[in-house]
Structures are given as structure tokens and as C-alpha cells.
């Protein structure tokens, strides 16, 4: 029971890093694009108009070239905020590195959770042993009282 609870908490902590949604510029509607930090109604309209006019964006370079107001720095910020092109974050941004760090942290959390669960088992066994020892002592004390009463 304790182990399951600990695993659930570790999973929750690991998924907290994925709180922001990944939004693919080729699949998103205006509301989804507006949800990305740094994209407002004007930019999302420009993205949708350009996508309608020229088709899906091939990569980040194509996206930067075709959408007015999106340069290298702005594209990097948008990528860090969760925008993707064909499911890919902009290469060389911390968004790519952040995904790797989140995966490593999740793996580390689950590895750290197991020893804690094992420690809980050891504590539980120790408590059971103490309880058994107490009941044995109580039983011995009762037997001693009976012996004294019978004499």
C-alpha cells in the first residue's frame, strides 16, 4: 500500500514538469496557438494565414522564413513555451534540453522512490517484531502471575 502511494506521488512529481502542453504549429487552431506564451491573436492569425496559403511548415527555418515577426530569437522563446513544428522543438533551445532533463528527473525519482519503499518495509517489519516481543512479554507476565496464584 505504502509503495503504491509513493509511486503515485513520484509519478505526479515527474509529470508536473509536463504541465505546459506541446502545440504543433501545423495542427493547432487559433485557440491552441493563443495558449502558447508569446503568441497573441495577431501572431496566431498570421501563422494560420501563412499555413493556409503555403501549406504545412516543413521545419523551424521554414516557419521563421514564412511568418512575419518570427525570427530566430522569437522562435527560440516560442519553442521553450511549448510550440513545435512537426512535433520537434527548435534545435539548440533549452526546450530540447528541458525534455531530456525532465525524462532524467522522472527516472531518478522512480529510482529514489524504491529505496524509500524498501525502508518503509523494514520499518514495518521492525514494528511487527516489537509488537510480537511485547505480546510475548505480556504472555510471560500472565503466566508468572498464574504460577504465583497457584502456589
N, C-alpha and C. Protein backbone atom coordinates (compact mmCIF):
# COMPACT_ATOMS: atom_id res chain seq x y z
N UNK A 1 0.83 -1.19 0.00
CA UNK A 1 0.00 0.00 0.00
C UNK A 1 0.88 1.25 0.00
N UNK A 2 1.83 1.27 0.92
CA UNK A 2 2.73 2.42 1.02
C UNK A 2 3.52 2.58 -0.27
N UNK A 3 3.92 1.49 -0.85
CA UNK A 3 4.73 1.52 -2.07
C UNK A 3 3.92 2.11 -3.23
N UNK A 4 2.66 1.74 -3.33
CA UNK A 4 1.80 2.26 -4.39
C UNK A 4 1.59 3.76 -4.22
N UNK A 5 1.39 4.19 -2.99
CA UNK A 5 1.22 5.61 -2.72
C UNK A 5 2.47 6.38 -3.08
N UNK A 6 3.62 5.85 -2.72
CA UNK A 6 4.87 6.50 -3.03
C UNK A 6 5.11 6.58 -4.53
N UNK A 7 4.76 5.53 -5.24
CA UNK A 7 4.89 5.52 -6.69
C UNK A 7 3.96 6.55 -7.32
N UNK A 8 2.75 6.66 -6.79
CA UNK A 8 1.80 7.65 -7.31
C UNK A 8 2.32 9.07 -7.11
N UNK A 9 2.90 9.34 -5.94
CA UNK A 9 3.45 10.66 -5.67
C UNK A 9 4.64 10.94 -6.60
N UNK A 10 5.51 9.96 -6.79
CA UNK A 10 6.65 10.14 -7.67
C UNK A 10 6.20 10.40 -9.10
N UNK A 11 5.16 9.72 -9.54
CA UNK A 11 4.63 9.92 -10.89
C UNK A 11 4.04 11.32 -11.02
N UNK A 12 3.34 11.77 -10.00
CA UNK A 12 2.77 13.10 -10.02
C UNK A 12 3.86 14.16 -10.12
N UNK A 13 4.90 14.01 -9.32
CA UNK A 13 6.01 14.97 -9.35
C UNK A 13 6.69 14.97 -10.72
N UNK A 14 6.86 13.79 -11.29
CA UNK A 14 7.52 13.70 -12.60
C UNK A 14 6.68 14.34 -13.69
N UNK A 15 5.37 14.21 -13.61
CA UNK A 15 4.51 14.78 -14.65
C UNK A 15 4.28 16.27 -14.48
N UNK A 16 4.60 16.81 -13.35
CA UNK A 16 4.43 18.25 -13.15
C UNK A 16 5.29 19.05 -14.13
N UNK A 17 6.41 18.49 -14.53
CA UNK A 17 7.25 19.18 -15.49
C UNK A 17 6.64 19.26 -16.86
N UNK A 18 5.65 18.43 -17.13
CA UNK A 18 4.99 18.43 -18.43
C UNK A 18 3.70 19.25 -18.39
N UNK A 19 3.63 20.20 -17.46
CA UNK A 19 2.41 20.95 -17.27
C UNK A 19 2.01 21.75 -18.51
N UNK A 20 2.97 22.30 -19.22
CA UNK A 20 2.60 23.05 -20.41
C UNK A 20 2.43 22.09 -21.58
N UNK A 21 1.43 22.37 -22.38
CA UNK A 21 1.11 21.47 -23.49
C UNK A 21 1.98 21.79 -24.70
N UNK A 22 2.35 20.76 -25.40
CA UNK A 22 3.06 20.93 -26.66
C UNK A 22 2.03 21.25 -27.73
N UNK A 23 2.25 22.32 -28.48
CA UNK A 23 1.33 22.74 -29.52
C UNK A 23 2.08 22.70 -30.84
N UNK A 24 1.60 21.85 -31.75
CA UNK A 24 2.24 21.75 -33.07
C UNK A 24 1.64 22.81 -33.98
N UNK A 25 2.50 23.63 -34.55
CA UNK A 25 2.08 24.75 -35.37
C UNK A 25 1.31 24.29 -36.61
N UNK A 26 1.53 23.08 -37.08
CA UNK A 26 0.84 22.58 -38.27
C UNK A 26 -0.53 21.97 -37.96
N UNK A 27 -0.84 21.73 -36.72
CA UNK A 27 -2.11 21.08 -36.36
C UNK A 27 -3.01 21.97 -35.52
N UNK A 28 -2.46 23.01 -34.92
CA UNK A 28 -3.19 23.81 -33.94
C UNK A 28 -4.19 24.77 -34.59
N UNK A 29 -5.28 25.00 -33.87
CA UNK A 29 -6.21 26.05 -34.28
C UNK A 29 -5.82 27.34 -33.57
N UNK A 30 -6.60 28.40 -33.78
CA UNK A 30 -6.23 29.69 -33.22
C UNK A 30 -6.20 29.67 -31.69
N UNK A 31 -7.14 29.00 -31.07
CA UNK A 31 -7.18 28.95 -29.60
C UNK A 31 -5.95 28.25 -29.04
N UNK A 32 -5.55 27.16 -29.69
CA UNK A 32 -4.36 26.43 -29.21
C UNK A 32 -3.11 27.28 -29.37
N UNK A 33 -3.00 27.98 -30.50
CA UNK A 33 -1.84 28.85 -30.71
C UNK A 33 -1.82 30.00 -29.69
N UNK A 34 -2.99 30.55 -29.41
CA UNK A 34 -3.08 31.64 -28.43
C UNK A 34 -2.67 31.19 -27.03
N UNK A 35 -2.80 29.90 -26.75
CA UNK A 35 -2.45 29.39 -25.42
C UNK A 35 -0.94 29.33 -25.19
N UNK A 36 -0.17 29.45 -26.25
CA UNK A 36 1.29 29.42 -26.13
C UNK A 36 1.76 30.81 -25.70
N UNK A 37 2.57 30.85 -24.65
CA UNK A 37 3.09 32.12 -24.15
C UNK A 37 3.92 32.78 -25.25
N UNK A 38 3.59 34.03 -25.57
CA UNK A 38 4.33 34.77 -26.59
C UNK A 38 3.57 34.87 -27.90
N UNK A 39 2.48 34.13 -28.03
CA UNK A 39 1.66 34.21 -29.24
C UNK A 39 0.33 34.84 -28.87
N UNK A 40 0.03 35.94 -29.53
CA UNK A 40 -1.24 36.61 -29.32
C UNK A 40 -2.14 36.39 -30.53
N UNK A 41 -3.29 37.05 -30.54
CA UNK A 41 -4.23 36.89 -31.65
C UNK A 41 -3.65 37.28 -33.01
N UNK A 42 -2.85 38.33 -33.02
CA UNK A 42 -2.27 38.80 -34.29
C UNK A 42 -1.29 37.77 -34.86
N UNK A 43 -0.42 37.24 -34.00
CA UNK A 43 0.57 36.26 -34.45
C UNK A 43 -0.10 34.94 -34.84
N UNK A 44 -1.07 34.52 -34.06
CA UNK A 44 -1.74 33.25 -34.40
C UNK A 44 -2.49 33.38 -35.73
N UNK A 45 -3.07 34.54 -36.00
CA UNK A 45 -3.75 34.75 -37.28
C UNK A 45 -2.73 34.72 -38.41
N UNK A 46 -1.56 35.34 -38.21
CA UNK A 46 -0.52 35.33 -39.24
C UNK A 46 -0.04 33.90 -39.52
N UNK A 47 0.11 33.10 -38.46
CA UNK A 47 0.54 31.71 -38.61
C UNK A 47 -0.50 30.92 -39.41
N UNK A 48 -1.77 31.05 -39.02
CA UNK A 48 -2.84 30.32 -39.70
C UNK A 48 -2.98 30.74 -41.17
N UNK A 49 -2.88 32.07 -41.43
CA UNK A 49 -2.97 32.56 -42.81
C UNK A 49 -1.84 32.01 -43.66
N UNK A 50 -0.63 32.01 -43.12
CA UNK A 50 0.52 31.52 -43.88
C UNK A 50 0.43 30.00 -44.08
N UNK A 51 -0.07 29.30 -43.11
CA UNK A 51 -0.23 27.85 -43.25
C UNK A 51 -1.28 27.52 -44.31
N UNK A 52 -2.35 28.32 -44.35
CA UNK A 52 -3.40 28.12 -45.34
C UNK A 52 -2.87 28.44 -46.74
N UNK A 53 -2.07 29.47 -46.82
CA UNK A 53 -1.55 29.92 -48.12
C UNK A 53 -0.46 29.00 -48.67
N UNK A 54 0.48 28.59 -47.82
CA UNK A 54 1.64 27.84 -48.30
C UNK A 54 1.72 26.39 -47.85
N UNK A 55 0.72 25.91 -47.14
CA UNK A 55 0.76 24.53 -46.65
C UNK A 55 1.50 24.42 -45.32
N UNK A 56 1.65 23.19 -44.86
CA UNK A 56 2.33 22.95 -43.57
C UNK A 56 3.77 23.45 -43.60
N UNK A 57 4.24 23.83 -42.42
CA UNK A 57 5.63 24.25 -42.27
C UNK A 57 6.51 23.01 -42.22
N UNK A 58 7.60 23.05 -42.97
CA UNK A 58 8.49 21.88 -43.05
C UNK A 58 9.35 21.74 -41.81
N UNK A 59 9.89 22.86 -41.34
CA UNK A 59 10.78 22.86 -40.18
C UNK A 59 10.80 24.27 -39.58
N UNK A 60 11.63 24.46 -38.58
CA UNK A 60 11.70 25.76 -37.92
C UNK A 60 12.19 26.85 -38.86
N UNK A 61 13.13 26.54 -39.72
CA UNK A 61 13.65 27.54 -40.66
C UNK A 61 12.54 28.00 -41.60
N UNK A 62 11.74 27.07 -42.09
CA UNK A 62 10.62 27.41 -42.96
C UNK A 62 9.60 28.27 -42.21
N UNK A 63 9.32 27.91 -40.98
CA UNK A 63 8.38 28.66 -40.14
C UNK A 63 8.87 30.10 -39.94
N UNK A 64 10.16 30.27 -39.60
CA UNK A 64 10.73 31.60 -39.37
C UNK A 64 10.71 32.44 -40.65
N UNK A 65 10.97 31.79 -41.76
CA UNK A 65 11.05 32.50 -43.04
C UNK A 65 9.67 32.97 -43.50
N UNK A 66 8.64 32.16 -43.29
CA UNK A 66 7.32 32.45 -43.83
C UNK A 66 6.44 33.33 -42.95
N UNK A 67 6.62 33.31 -41.65
CA UNK A 67 5.75 34.07 -40.76
C UNK A 67 6.43 35.37 -40.36
N UNK A 68 5.80 36.48 -40.74
CA UNK A 68 6.34 37.80 -40.43
C UNK A 68 6.35 38.02 -38.91
N UNK A 69 7.45 38.51 -38.40
CA UNK A 69 7.57 38.79 -36.97
C UNK A 69 8.18 37.65 -36.18
N UNK A 70 8.43 36.53 -36.82
CA UNK A 70 9.06 35.39 -36.14
C UNK A 70 10.49 35.28 -36.65
N UNK A 71 11.42 35.62 -35.79
CA UNK A 71 12.84 35.48 -36.11
C UNK A 71 13.44 34.37 -35.26
N UNK A 72 14.75 34.30 -35.28
CA UNK A 72 15.45 33.23 -34.56
C UNK A 72 15.20 33.32 -33.05
N UNK A 73 15.33 34.52 -32.49
CA UNK A 73 15.16 34.67 -31.03
C UNK A 73 13.73 34.40 -30.61
N UNK A 74 12.77 34.95 -31.37
CA UNK A 74 11.37 34.74 -31.04
C UNK A 74 10.98 33.28 -31.18
N UNK A 75 11.50 32.62 -32.21
CA UNK A 75 11.21 31.20 -32.41
C UNK A 75 11.76 30.37 -31.24
N UNK A 76 12.93 30.72 -30.75
CA UNK A 76 13.51 30.00 -29.61
C UNK A 76 12.63 30.16 -28.36
N UNK A 77 12.13 31.38 -28.13
CA UNK A 77 11.25 31.61 -26.98
C UNK A 77 9.94 30.82 -27.11
N UNK A 78 9.39 30.81 -28.34
CA UNK A 78 8.15 30.07 -28.56
C UNK A 78 8.36 28.57 -28.36
N UNK A 79 9.51 28.09 -28.81
CA UNK A 79 9.82 26.67 -28.63
C UNK A 79 9.92 26.33 -27.15
N UNK A 80 10.54 27.20 -26.38
CA UNK A 80 10.65 26.98 -24.94
C UNK A 80 9.28 27.02 -24.26
N UNK A 81 8.34 27.74 -24.87
CA UNK A 81 6.98 27.83 -24.31
C UNK A 81 6.10 26.67 -24.73
N UNK A 82 6.61 25.78 -25.60
CA UNK A 82 5.85 24.59 -25.95
C UNK A 82 5.43 24.49 -27.40
N UNK A 83 5.81 25.45 -28.24
CA UNK A 83 5.46 25.38 -29.66
C UNK A 83 6.40 24.42 -30.38
N UNK A 84 5.85 23.59 -31.25
CA UNK A 84 6.66 22.66 -32.03
C UNK A 84 6.31 22.79 -33.51
N UNK A 85 7.24 22.39 -34.36
CA UNK A 85 6.99 22.30 -35.80
C UNK A 85 7.20 20.83 -36.16
N UNK A 86 6.15 20.20 -36.64
CA UNK A 86 6.16 18.76 -36.93
C UNK A 86 6.59 17.94 -35.72
N UNK A 87 6.16 18.38 -34.54
CA UNK A 87 6.45 17.65 -33.31
C UNK A 87 7.85 17.85 -32.77
N UNK A 88 8.63 18.74 -33.38
CA UNK A 88 10.02 18.95 -32.95
C UNK A 88 10.19 20.33 -32.33
N UNK A 89 10.89 20.38 -31.20
CA UNK A 89 11.28 21.66 -30.63
C UNK A 89 12.40 22.24 -31.47
N UNK A 90 12.59 23.53 -31.34
CA UNK A 90 13.65 24.18 -32.11
C UNK A 90 14.99 23.66 -31.64
N UNK A 91 15.82 23.17 -32.56
CA UNK A 91 17.14 22.66 -32.16
C UNK A 91 17.99 23.76 -31.53
N UNK A 92 18.71 23.40 -30.49
CA UNK A 92 19.61 24.35 -29.83
C UNK A 92 18.94 25.21 -28.78
N UNK A 93 17.66 24.98 -28.50
CA UNK A 93 16.99 25.74 -27.45
C UNK A 93 16.94 24.92 -26.18
N UNK A 94 16.61 25.59 -25.11
CA UNK A 94 16.53 24.87 -23.84
C UNK A 94 15.28 23.99 -23.78
N UNK A 95 14.35 24.15 -24.72
CA UNK A 95 13.16 23.28 -24.74
C UNK A 95 13.58 21.85 -25.04
N UNK A 96 14.53 21.68 -25.96
CA UNK A 96 15.03 20.34 -26.26
C UNK A 96 15.76 19.78 -25.06
N UNK A 97 16.59 20.61 -24.43
CA UNK A 97 17.34 20.18 -23.26
C UNK A 97 16.40 19.94 -22.07
N UNK A 98 15.35 20.74 -21.98
CA UNK A 98 14.40 20.59 -20.87
C UNK A 98 13.69 19.25 -20.93
N UNK A 99 13.34 18.80 -22.14
CA UNK A 99 12.71 17.48 -22.28
C UNK A 99 13.63 16.39 -21.77
N UNK A 100 14.90 16.47 -22.13
CA UNK A 100 15.86 15.47 -21.69
C UNK A 100 16.02 15.50 -20.17
N UNK A 101 16.07 16.70 -19.59
CA UNK A 101 16.21 16.83 -18.14
C UNK A 101 14.98 16.28 -17.43
N UNK A 102 13.78 16.52 -17.99
CA UNK A 102 12.56 16.02 -17.37
C UNK A 102 12.52 14.50 -17.38
N UNK A 103 12.95 13.91 -18.49
CA UNK A 103 12.98 12.45 -18.55
C UNK A 103 13.97 11.89 -17.54
N UNK A 104 15.13 12.53 -17.42
CA UNK A 104 16.13 12.07 -16.46
C UNK A 104 15.63 12.22 -15.02
N UNK A 105 14.95 13.34 -14.76
CA UNK A 105 14.42 13.56 -13.41
C UNK A 105 13.35 12.54 -13.06
N UNK A 106 12.50 12.20 -14.04
CA UNK A 106 11.46 11.20 -13.79
C UNK A 106 12.08 9.84 -13.49
N UNK A 107 13.12 9.49 -14.23
CA UNK A 107 13.79 8.21 -13.98
C UNK A 107 14.46 8.22 -12.61
N UNK A 108 15.05 9.34 -12.25
CA UNK A 108 15.73 9.46 -10.96
C UNK A 108 14.71 9.36 -9.82
N UNK A 109 13.55 10.02 -9.99
CA UNK A 109 12.51 9.98 -8.96
C UNK A 109 12.03 8.56 -8.71
N UNK A 110 11.84 7.79 -9.76
CA UNK A 110 11.35 6.42 -9.57
C UNK A 110 12.43 5.55 -8.94
N UNK A 111 13.70 5.81 -9.27
CA UNK A 111 14.78 5.03 -8.66
C UNK A 111 14.91 5.37 -7.18
N UNK A 112 14.73 6.67 -6.85
CA UNK A 112 14.84 7.08 -5.45
C UNK A 112 13.64 6.60 -4.64
N UNK A 113 12.50 6.44 -5.29
CA UNK A 113 11.29 6.02 -4.58
C UNK A 113 11.39 4.58 -4.10
N UNK A 114 12.06 3.74 -4.83
CA UNK A 114 12.14 2.33 -4.44
C UNK A 114 12.88 2.12 -3.13
N UNK A 115 14.07 2.71 -2.91
CA UNK A 115 14.71 2.51 -1.61
C UNK A 115 13.86 3.01 -0.45
N UNK A 116 13.14 4.09 -0.65
CA UNK A 116 12.28 4.62 0.40
C UNK A 116 11.18 3.61 0.72
N UNK A 117 10.63 3.00 -0.30
CA UNK A 117 9.60 1.99 -0.08
C UNK A 117 10.19 0.79 0.66
N UNK A 118 11.41 0.41 0.28
CA UNK A 118 12.07 -0.70 0.97
C UNK A 118 12.33 -0.34 2.43
N UNK A 119 12.69 0.91 2.70
CA UNK A 119 12.92 1.34 4.06
C UNK A 119 11.61 1.26 4.85
N UNK A 120 10.50 1.61 4.21
CA UNK A 120 9.20 1.50 4.86
C UNK A 120 8.87 0.07 5.23
N UNK A 121 9.24 -0.86 4.37
CA UNK A 121 9.02 -2.28 4.66
C UNK A 121 9.84 -2.70 5.87
N UNK A 122 11.10 -2.25 5.91
CA UNK A 122 11.98 -2.60 7.03
C UNK A 122 11.41 -2.06 8.34
N UNK A 123 10.90 -0.79 8.29
CA UNK A 123 10.32 -0.20 9.49
C UNK A 123 9.09 -0.99 9.92
N UNK A 124 8.29 -1.41 8.95
CA UNK A 124 7.09 -2.17 9.25
C UNK A 124 7.45 -3.51 9.89
N UNK A 125 8.48 -4.18 9.36
CA UNK A 125 8.92 -5.45 9.94
C UNK A 125 9.44 -5.26 11.35
N UNK A 126 10.17 -4.16 11.57
CA UNK A 126 10.70 -3.88 12.91
C UNK A 126 9.55 -3.64 13.89
N UNK A 127 8.53 -2.91 13.45
CA UNK A 127 7.37 -2.65 14.31
C UNK A 127 6.64 -3.95 14.62
N UNK A 128 6.52 -4.83 13.63
CA UNK A 128 5.87 -6.13 13.86
C UNK A 128 6.66 -6.95 14.86
N UNK A 129 7.98 -6.91 14.75
CA UNK A 129 8.82 -7.67 15.68
C UNK A 129 8.67 -7.13 17.10
N UNK A 130 8.63 -5.79 17.24
CA UNK A 130 8.45 -5.20 18.57
C UNK A 130 7.10 -5.60 19.15
N UNK A 131 6.08 -5.58 18.31
CA UNK A 131 4.74 -5.94 18.76
C UNK A 131 4.71 -7.40 19.23
N UNK A 132 5.34 -8.27 18.46
CA UNK A 132 5.39 -9.68 18.83
C UNK A 132 6.16 -9.86 20.13
N UNK A 133 7.23 -9.11 20.30
CA UNK A 133 8.04 -9.19 21.51
C UNK A 133 7.22 -8.74 22.71
N UNK A 134 6.45 -7.66 22.54
CA UNK A 134 5.61 -7.17 23.64
C UNK A 134 4.55 -8.19 24.02
N UNK A 135 3.92 -8.79 23.02
CA UNK A 135 2.88 -9.77 23.34
C UNK A 135 3.47 -11.00 24.02
N UNK A 136 4.70 -11.36 23.66
CA UNK A 136 5.36 -12.49 24.31
C UNK A 136 5.65 -12.14 25.77
N UNK A 137 6.14 -10.93 26.02
CA UNK A 137 6.43 -10.49 27.39
C UNK A 137 5.15 -10.44 28.22
N UNK A 138 4.07 -9.95 27.61
CA UNK A 138 2.79 -9.88 28.32
C UNK A 138 2.30 -11.29 28.65
N UNK A 139 2.46 -12.19 27.72
CA UNK A 139 2.06 -13.57 27.94
C UNK A 139 2.89 -14.19 29.07
N UNK A 140 4.19 -13.93 29.07
CA UNK A 140 5.07 -14.45 30.12
C UNK A 140 4.68 -13.87 31.48
N UNK A 141 4.31 -12.60 31.50
CA UNK A 141 3.92 -11.96 32.77
C UNK A 141 2.63 -12.59 33.30
N UNK A 142 1.70 -12.88 32.41
CA UNK A 142 0.45 -13.53 32.84
C UNK A 142 0.72 -14.92 33.40
N UNK A 143 1.62 -15.65 32.74
CA UNK A 143 1.96 -16.99 33.21
C UNK A 143 2.61 -16.90 34.59
N UNK A 144 3.46 -15.91 34.78
CA UNK A 144 4.13 -15.75 36.09
C UNK A 144 3.10 -15.46 37.18
N UNK A 145 2.09 -14.63 36.85
CA UNK A 145 1.07 -14.32 37.84
C UNK A 145 0.25 -15.56 38.18
N UNK A 146 -0.04 -16.37 37.16
CA UNK A 146 -0.78 -17.61 37.40
C UNK A 146 0.01 -18.55 38.29
N UNK A 147 1.32 -18.64 38.04
CA UNK A 147 2.15 -19.51 38.85
C UNK A 147 2.15 -19.05 40.31
N UNK A 148 2.25 -17.75 40.53
CA UNK A 148 2.27 -17.21 41.90
C UNK A 148 0.92 -17.47 42.55
N UNK A 149 -0.15 -17.33 41.82
CA UNK A 149 -1.51 -17.51 42.38
C UNK A 149 -1.74 -18.99 42.72
N UNK A 150 -1.19 -19.89 41.94
CA UNK A 150 -1.39 -21.31 42.21
C UNK A 150 -0.54 -21.80 43.36
N UNK A 151 0.49 -21.11 43.74
CA UNK A 151 1.36 -21.53 44.84
C UNK A 151 0.81 -21.13 46.12
